[in-house]
Amino acid sequence: MSTPWRVELRAGRVGVRPLLMSDATVWAEVRRRNAAWLTPWEATLPPGDRSAPKTFRGLVRDLHRQARERRALPFAVTVDDEFAGQLTVTNITGGSARWAQVGYWIDKRFAGQDVMPTAVALVTDYCLFELDLHRVEVAIRPENTASLRVVEKLGFTEVGYAKGYLHIDGAWRDHRLFALTVEECEGGVLRRFRQGPRAENP
């Protein structure tokens, strides 16, 4: 039986689709080739914590379980149908909150080509307008200028600064918090991004 997270979205060359077991080989190759590029921003486990999956298959199995429970959306990002990175919606919350968080990484070969801003815009629109969430949040280390450019391009609002927010690259790291609510993006985030700054000042 199909589930709401098994969705494929596309805008031009950029697509997002469910992360699959069959992505194992290309996922591992891209991660290996981008180790130096990704390691400073990678989530790690505090000493003594053994809760995270240790293999790609375990990761996908865990994310698919969360997806079936409507708690996560695990996506592969593609360029011309070639695997280019990963985007995961986590902590999906209903009720009076109706919000979720988005995290992402990309192959350095595709950095600076508006691939990730497009993918984040596609998924944010899906969360706000198809899943009927009210708010999408992104947490970014202050030093991660590439990731900060993504939320700046999409018009996310900075809403806070969290000390020791996540265990990243072996230590507890501060994060800047950004968010968009559905009221802030009439017509969609992707449409606004494609139209550029003139969309705000017609």
C-alpha atoms as a PDB file:
ATOM      1  CA  MET A   1       0.000   0.000   0.000  1.00  0.00           C
ATOM      2  CA  SER A   2       1.357   3.434  -0.902  1.00  0.00           C
ATOM      3  CA  THR A   3       2.076   5.956   1.826  1.00  0.00           C
ATOM      4  CA  PRO A   4       2.178   9.780   1.697  1.00  0.00           C
ATOM      5  CA  TRP A   5       5.977   9.923   1.954  1.00  0.00           C
ATOM      6  CA  ARG A   6       6.472   7.825  -1.192  1.00  0.00           C
ATOM      7  CA  VAL A   7       6.383  10.915  -3.338  1.00  0.00           C
ATOM      8  CA  GLU A   8       8.602  12.110  -6.164  1.00  0.00           C
ATOM      9  CA  LEU A   9       8.986  15.839  -6.782  1.00  0.00           C
ATOM     10  CA  ARG A  10      10.826  17.588  -9.594  1.00  0.00           C
ATOM     11  CA  ALA A  11      11.756  21.068 -10.753  1.00  0.00           C
ATOM     12  CA  GLY A  12      13.830  21.114 -13.931  1.00  0.00           C
ATOM     13  CA  ARG A  13      16.951  18.964 -13.499  1.00  0.00           C
ATOM     14  CA  VAL A  14      16.444  18.602  -9.731  1.00  0.00           C
ATOM     15  CA  GLY A  15      14.353  15.852  -8.194  1.00  0.00           C
ATOM     16  CA  VAL A  16      13.639  14.318  -4.834  1.00  0.00           C
ATOM     17  CA  ARG A  17      12.470  10.746  -4.340  1.00  0.00           C
ATOM     18  CA  PRO A  18      12.429   8.211  -1.505  1.00  0.00           C
ATOM     19  CA  LEU A  19      15.854   7.029  -0.338  1.00  0.00           C
ATOM     20  CA  LEU A  20      16.052   3.327  -1.220  1.00  0.00           C
ATOM     21  CA  MET A  21      18.096   0.273  -0.298  1.00  0.00           C
ATOM     22  CA  SER A  22      19.231   0.196  -3.934  1.00  0.00           C
ATOM     23  CA  ASP A  23      21.018   3.526  -3.378  1.00  0.00           C
ATOM     24  CA  ALA A  24      23.596   1.796  -1.164  1.00  0.00           C
ATOM     25  CA  THR A  25      26.473   1.654  -3.642  1.00  0.00           C
ATOM     26  CA  VAL A  26      26.175   5.168  -5.036  1.00  0.00           C
ATOM     27  CA  TRP A  27      25.449   6.602  -1.560  1.00  0.00           C
ATOM     28  CA  ALA A  28      28.625   5.033  -0.173  1.00  0.00           C
ATOM     29  CA  GLU A  29      30.703   6.204  -3.153  1.00  0.00           C
ATOM     30  CA  VAL A  30      29.453   9.791  -2.897  1.00  0.00           C
ATOM     31  CA  ARG A  31      30.035   9.828   0.855  1.00  0.00           C
ATOM     32  CA  ARG A  32      33.554   8.442   0.438  1.00  0.00           C
ATOM     33  CA  ARG A  33      34.462  10.987  -2.221  1.00  0.00           C
ATOM     34  CA  ASN A  34      33.015  13.847  -0.140  1.00  0.00           C
ATOM     35  CA  ALA A  35      34.333  12.812   3.294  1.00  0.00           C
ATOM     36  CA  ALA A  36      36.406  15.963   3.847  1.00  0.00           C
ATOM     37  CA  TRP A  37      33.569  18.169   2.542  1.00  0.00           C
ATOM     38  CA  LEU A  38      30.902  16.603   4.796  1.00  0.00           C
ATOM     39  CA  THR A  39      32.667  15.592   8.028  1.00  0.00           C
ATOM     40  CA  PRO A  40      32.660  19.044   9.720  1.00  0.00           C
ATOM     41  CA  TRP A  41      28.855  19.136   9.483  1.00  0.00           C
ATOM     42  CA  GLU A  42      28.023  15.503  10.187  1.00  0.00           C
ATOM     43  CA  ALA A  43      25.917  14.415  13.149  1.00  0.00           C
ATOM     44  CA  THR A  44      27.828  12.128  15.516  1.00  0.00           C
ATOM     45  CA  LEU A  45      26.891  10.172  18.610  1.00  0.00           C
ATOM     46  CA  PRO A  46      27.968  11.262  22.095  1.00  0.00           C
ATOM     47  CA  PRO A  47      30.303   8.786  23.839  1.00  0.00           C
ATOM     48  CA  GLY A  48      28.467   5.676  24.962  1.00  0.00           C
ATOM     49  CA  ASP A  49      25.456   6.144  22.680  1.00  0.00           C
ATOM     50  CA  ARG A  50      24.967   3.147  20.386  1.00  0.00           C
ATOM     51  CA  SER A  51      21.457   3.904  19.187  1.00  0.00           C
ATOM     52  CA  ALA A  52      22.192   4.934  15.593  1.00  0.00           C
ATOM     53  CA  PRO A  53      22.191   2.431  12.699  1.00  0.00           C
ATOM     54  CA  LYS A  54      25.708   1.286  11.781  1.00  0.00           C
ATOM     55  CA  THR A  55      25.051   0.470   8.110  1.00  0.00           C
ATOM     56  CA  PHE A  56      23.307   2.094   5.182  1.00  0.00           C
ATOM     57  CA  ARG A  57      20.715  -0.688   5.184  1.00  0.00           C
ATOM     58  CA  GLY A  58      20.092  -0.053   8.866  1.00  0.00           C
ATOM     59  CA  LEU A  59      19.762   3.677   8.214  1.00  0.00           C
ATOM     60  CA  VAL A  60      17.227   3.186   5.429  1.00  0.00           C
ATOM     61  CA  ARG A  61      15.307   0.598   7.443  1.00  0.00           C
ATOM     62  CA  ASP A  62      15.089   2.994  10.403  1.00  0.00           C
ATOM     63  CA  LEU A  63      14.064   5.966   8.238  1.00  0.00           C
ATOM     64  CA  HIS A  64      11.425   3.910   6.414  1.00  0.00           C
ATOM     65  CA  ARG A  65       9.977   2.809   9.765  1.00  0.00           C
ATOM     66  CA  GLN A  66       9.791   6.459  10.851  1.00  0.00           C
ATOM     67  CA  ALA A  67       8.178   7.327   7.521  1.00  0.00           C
ATOM     68  CA  ARG A  68       5.475   4.685   7.978  1.00  0.00           C
ATOM     69  CA  GLU A  69       4.820   6.204  11.393  1.00  0.00           C
ATOM     70  CA  ARG A  70       4.505   9.665   9.754  1.00  0.00           C
ATOM     71  CA  ARG A  71       7.534  10.937  11.677  1.00  0.00           C
ATOM     72  CA  ALA A  72      10.051  11.375   8.842  1.00  0.00           C
ATOM     73  CA  LEU A  73      10.440  11.760   5.074  1.00  0.00           C
ATOM     74  CA  PRO A  74      13.737  10.268   3.813  1.00  0.00           C
ATOM     75  CA  PHE A  75      14.592  11.615   0.363  1.00  0.00           C
ATOM     76  CA  ALA A  76      17.401  11.191  -2.143  1.00  0.00           C
ATOM     77  CA  VAL A  77      18.227  14.359  -4.097  1.00  0.00           C
ATOM     78  CA  THR A  78      18.931  13.831  -7.795  1.00  0.00           C
ATOM     79  CA  VAL A  79      20.263  15.881 -10.709  1.00  0.00           C
ATOM     80  CA  ASP A  80      19.185  14.544 -14.092  1.00  0.00           C
ATOM     81  CA  ASP A  81      18.203  11.406 -12.133  1.00  0.00           C
ATOM     82  CA  GLU A  82      21.772  10.993 -10.817  1.00  0.00           C
ATOM     83  CA  PHE A  83      22.112  10.636  -7.028  1.00  0.00           C
ATOM     84  CA  ALA A  84      23.426  13.952  -5.674  1.00  0.00           C
ATOM     85  CA  GLY A  85      22.673  14.011  -1.951  1.00  0.00           C
ATOM     86  CA  GLN A  86      20.173  13.409   0.789  1.00  0.00           C
ATOM     87  CA  LEU A  87      17.376  15.481   2.325  1.00  0.00           C
ATOM     88  CA  THR A  88      15.501  14.218   5.369  1.00  0.00           C
ATOM     89  CA  VAL A  89      12.455  15.674   7.055  1.00  0.00           C
ATOM     90  CA  THR A  90      12.448  14.664  10.726  1.00  0.00           C
ATOM     91  CA  ASN A  91      10.497  15.270  13.921  1.00  0.00           C
ATOM     92  CA  ILE A  92       7.206  15.619  12.052  1.00  0.00           C
ATOM     93  CA  THR A  93       4.714  16.709  14.680  1.00  0.00           C
ATOM     94  CA  GLY A  94       0.950  17.031  14.339  1.00  0.00           C
ATOM     95  CA  GLY A  95      -1.687  18.385  16.670  1.00  0.00           C
ATOM     96  CA  SER A  96      -1.392  21.986  17.748  1.00  0.00           C
ATOM     97  CA  ALA A  97       2.258  22.223  16.613  1.00  0.00           C
ATOM     98  CA  ARG A  98       2.216  20.907  13.015  1.00  0.00           C
ATOM     99  CA  TRP A  99       5.896  21.415  12.296  1.00  0.00           C
ATOM    100  CA  ALA A 100       8.971  19.514  11.112  1.00  0.00           C
ATOM    101  CA  GLN A 101      12.725  19.920  10.650  1.00  0.00           C
ATOM    102  CA  VAL A 102      14.730  19.590   7.443  1.00  0.00           C
ATOM    103  CA  GLY A 103      18.355  18.472   7.166  1.00  0.00           C
ATOM    104  CA  TYR A 104      20.400  17.969   4.016  1.00  0.00           C
ATOM    105  CA  TRP A 105      23.778  17.282   2.434  1.00  0.00           C
ATOM    106  CA  ILE A 106      24.995  17.390  -1.161  1.00  0.00           C
ATOM    107  CA  ASP A 107      27.813  16.048  -3.322  1.00  0.00           C
ATOM    108  CA  LYS A 108      30.361  18.860  -3.675  1.00  0.00           C
ATOM    109  CA  ARG A 109      30.217  18.427  -7.474  1.00  0.00           C
ATOM    110  CA  PHE A 110      26.730  19.949  -7.413  1.00  0.00           C
ATOM    111  CA  ALA A 111      27.347  22.672  -4.821  1.00  0.00           C
ATOM    112  CA  GLY A 112      26.718  26.246  -5.915  1.00  0.00           C
ATOM    113  CA  GLN A 113      24.304  25.223  -8.704  1.00  0.00           C
ATOM    114  CA  ASP A 114      21.047  25.884  -6.776  1.00  0.00           C
ATOM    115  CA  VAL A 115      20.425  22.136  -6.504  1.00  0.00           C
ATOM    116  CA  MET A 116      19.890  22.055  -2.749  1.00  0.00           C
ATOM    117  CA  PRO A 117      17.868  25.293  -2.567  1.00  0.00           C
ATOM    118  CA  THR A 118      15.570  23.825  -5.221  1.00  0.00           C
ATOM    119  CA  ALA A 119      15.271  20.510  -3.372  1.00  0.00           C
ATOM    120  CA  VAL A 120      14.576  22.213  -0.034  1.00  0.00           C
ATOM    121  CA  ALA A 121      11.979  24.444  -1.695  1.00  0.00           C
ATOM    122  CA  LEU A 122      10.239  21.425  -3.255  1.00  0.00           C
ATOM    123  CA  VAL A 123      10.100  19.558   0.043  1.00  0.00           C
ATOM    124  CA  THR A 124       9.120  22.606   2.096  1.00  0.00           C
ATOM    125  CA  ASP A 125       6.205  23.251  -0.255  1.00  0.00           C
ATOM    126  CA  TYR A 126       5.207  19.591   0.032  1.00  0.00           C
ATOM    127  CA  CYS A 127       5.291  19.755   3.825  1.00  0.00           C
ATOM    128  CA  LEU A 128       3.335  22.994   4.064  1.00  0.00           C
ATOM    129  CA  PHE A 129       0.776  22.525   1.306  1.00  0.00           C
ATOM    130  CA  GLU A 130       0.368  18.755   0.961  1.00  0.00           C
ATOM    131  CA  LEU A 131       1.032  17.485   4.495  1.00  0.00           C
ATOM    132  CA  ASP A 132      -0.658  20.587   5.953  1.00  0.00           C
ATOM    133  CA  LEU A 133       2.163  21.433   8.335  1.00  0.00           C
ATOM    134  CA  HIS A 134       2.337  24.984   9.633  1.00  0.00           C
ATOM    135  CA  ARG A 135       6.076  25.446  10.083  1.00  0.00           C
ATOM    136  CA  VAL A 136       9.342  24.018   8.716  1.00  0.00           C
ATOM    137  CA  GLU A 137      12.602  24.544  10.602  1.00  0.00           C
ATOM    138  CA  VAL A 138      16.274  24.208   9.628  1.00  0.00           C
ATOM    139  CA  ALA A 139      19.157  24.213  12.147  1.00  0.00           C
ATOM    140  CA  ILE A 140      22.607  25.182  10.824  1.00  0.00           C
ATOM    141  CA  ARG A 141      26.034  25.563  12.410  1.00  0.00           C
ATOM    142  CA  PRO A 142      27.124  29.242  12.276  1.00  0.00           C
ATOM    143  CA  GLU A 143      30.290  28.247  10.403  1.00  0.00           C
ATOM    144  CA  ASN A 144      28.451  26.371   7.633  1.00  0.00           C
ATOM    145  CA  THR A 145      28.308  29.140   5.055  1.00  0.00           C
ATOM    146  CA  ALA A 146      27.177  26.852   2.215  1.00  0.00           C
ATOM    147  CA  SER A 147      24.142  25.654   4.164  1.00  0.00           C
ATOM    148  CA  LEU A 148      23.368  29.168   5.365  1.00  0.00           C
ATOM    149  CA  ARG A 149      23.168  30.317   1.748  1.00  0.00           C
ATOM    150  CA  VAL A 150      20.387  27.773   1.146  1.00  0.00           C
ATOM    151  CA  VAL A 151      18.030  29.224   3.748  1.00  0.00           C
ATOM    152  CA  GLU A 152      18.962  32.781   2.804  1.00  0.00           C
ATOM    153  CA  LYS A 153      18.052  32.136  -0.837  1.00  0.00           C
ATOM    154  CA  LEU A 154      14.714  30.634   0.198  1.00  0.00           C
ATOM    155  CA  GLY A 155      13.758  33.418   2.591  1.00  0.00           C
ATOM    156  CA  PHE A 156      13.766  31.426   5.826  1.00  0.00           C
ATOM    157  CA  THR A 157      13.575  33.677   8.885  1.00  0.00           C
ATOM    158  CA  GLU A 158      16.193  33.361  11.599  1.00  0.00           C
ATOM    159  CA  VAL A 159      14.285  32.588  14.796  1.00  0.00           C
ATOM    160  CA  GLY A 160      16.928  31.751  17.392  1.00  0.00           C
ATOM    161  CA  TYR A 161      20.340  30.558  18.466  1.00  0.00           C
ATOM    162  CA  ALA A 162      20.653  27.212  20.230  1.00  0.00           C
ATOM    163  CA  LYS A 163      23.708  26.499  22.384  1.00  0.00           C
ATOM    164  CA  GLY A 164      25.000  22.931  22.179  1.00  0.00           C
ATOM    165  CA  TYR A 165      22.078  22.011  19.941  1.00  0.00           C
ATOM    166  CA  LEU A 166      23.448  18.883  18.214  1.00  0.00           C
ATOM    167  CA  HIS A 167      26.413  16.546  18.534  1.00  0.00           C
ATOM    168  CA  ILE A 168      28.329  17.274  15.326  1.00  0.00           C
ATOM    169  CA  ASP A 169      31.803  16.123  14.286  1.00  0.00           C
ATOM    170  CA  GLY A 170      32.579  14.831  17.786  1.00  0.00           C
ATOM    171  CA  ALA A 171      31.290  17.663  20.015  1.00  0.00           C
ATOM    172  CA  TRP A 172      28.154  19.541  21.030  1.00  0.00           C
ATOM    173  CA  ARG A 173      27.777  22.414  18.567  1.00  0.00           C
ATOM    174  CA  ASP A 174      25.782  25.642  18.591  1.00  0.00           C
ATOM    175  CA  HIS A 175      23.252  26.153  15.784  1.00  0.00           C
ATOM    176  CA  ARG A 176      21.386  29.036  14.230  1.00  0.00           C
ATOM    177  CA  LEU A 177      17.679  28.242  13.828  1.00  0.00           C
ATOM    178  CA  PHE A 178      15.657  29.233  10.768  1.00  0.00           C
ATOM    179  CA  ALA A 179      11.977  28.687  10.010  1.00  0.00           C
ATOM    180  CA  LEU A 180       9.211  29.316   7.512  1.00  0.00           C
ATOM    181  CA  THR A 181       5.499  29.257   8.263  1.00  0.00           C
ATOM    182  CA  VAL A 182       2.807  28.671   5.694  1.00  0.00           C
ATOM    183  CA  GLU A 183       1.645  32.281   6.085  1.00  0.00           C
ATOM    184  CA  GLU A 184       5.083  33.484   4.948  1.00  0.00           C
ATOM    185  CA  CYS A 185       5.091  31.680   1.618  1.00  0.00           C
ATOM    186  CA  GLU A 186       1.871  32.315  -0.240  1.00  0.00           C
ATOM    187  CA  GLY A 187       2.170  30.748  -3.662  1.00  0.00           C
ATOM    188  CA  GLY A 188       4.994  28.476  -2.567  1.00  0.00           C
ATOM    189  CA  VAL A 189       8.671  28.642  -1.696  1.00  0.00           C
ATOM    190  CA  LEU A 190       9.779  27.256  -5.069  1.00  0.00           C
ATOM    191  CA  ARG A 191       7.818  29.869  -7.003  1.00  0.00           C
ATOM    192  CA  ARG A 192       9.281  32.682  -4.906  1.00  0.00           C
ATOM    193  CA  PHE A 193      12.807  31.287  -5.275  1.00  0.00           C
ATOM    194  CA  ARG A 194      12.489  30.997  -9.049  1.00  0.00           C
ATOM    195  CA  GLN A 195      11.176  34.544  -9.363  1.00  0.00           C
ATOM    196  CA  GLY A 196      14.035  35.922  -7.273  1.00  0.00           C
ATOM    197  CA  PRO A 197      14.131  39.148  -5.226  1.00  0.00           C
ATOM    198  CA  ARG A 198      11.659  40.840  -7.561  1.00  0.00           C
ATOM    199  CA  ALA A 199       8.929  38.542  -6.215  1.00  0.00           C
ATOM    200  CA  GLU A 200       9.037  40.469  -2.957  1.00  0.00           C
ATOM    201  CA  ASN A 201       9.000  43.868  -4.676  1.00  0.00           C
ATOM    202  CA  PRO A 202       6.816  43.555  -7.770  1.00  0.00           C
END
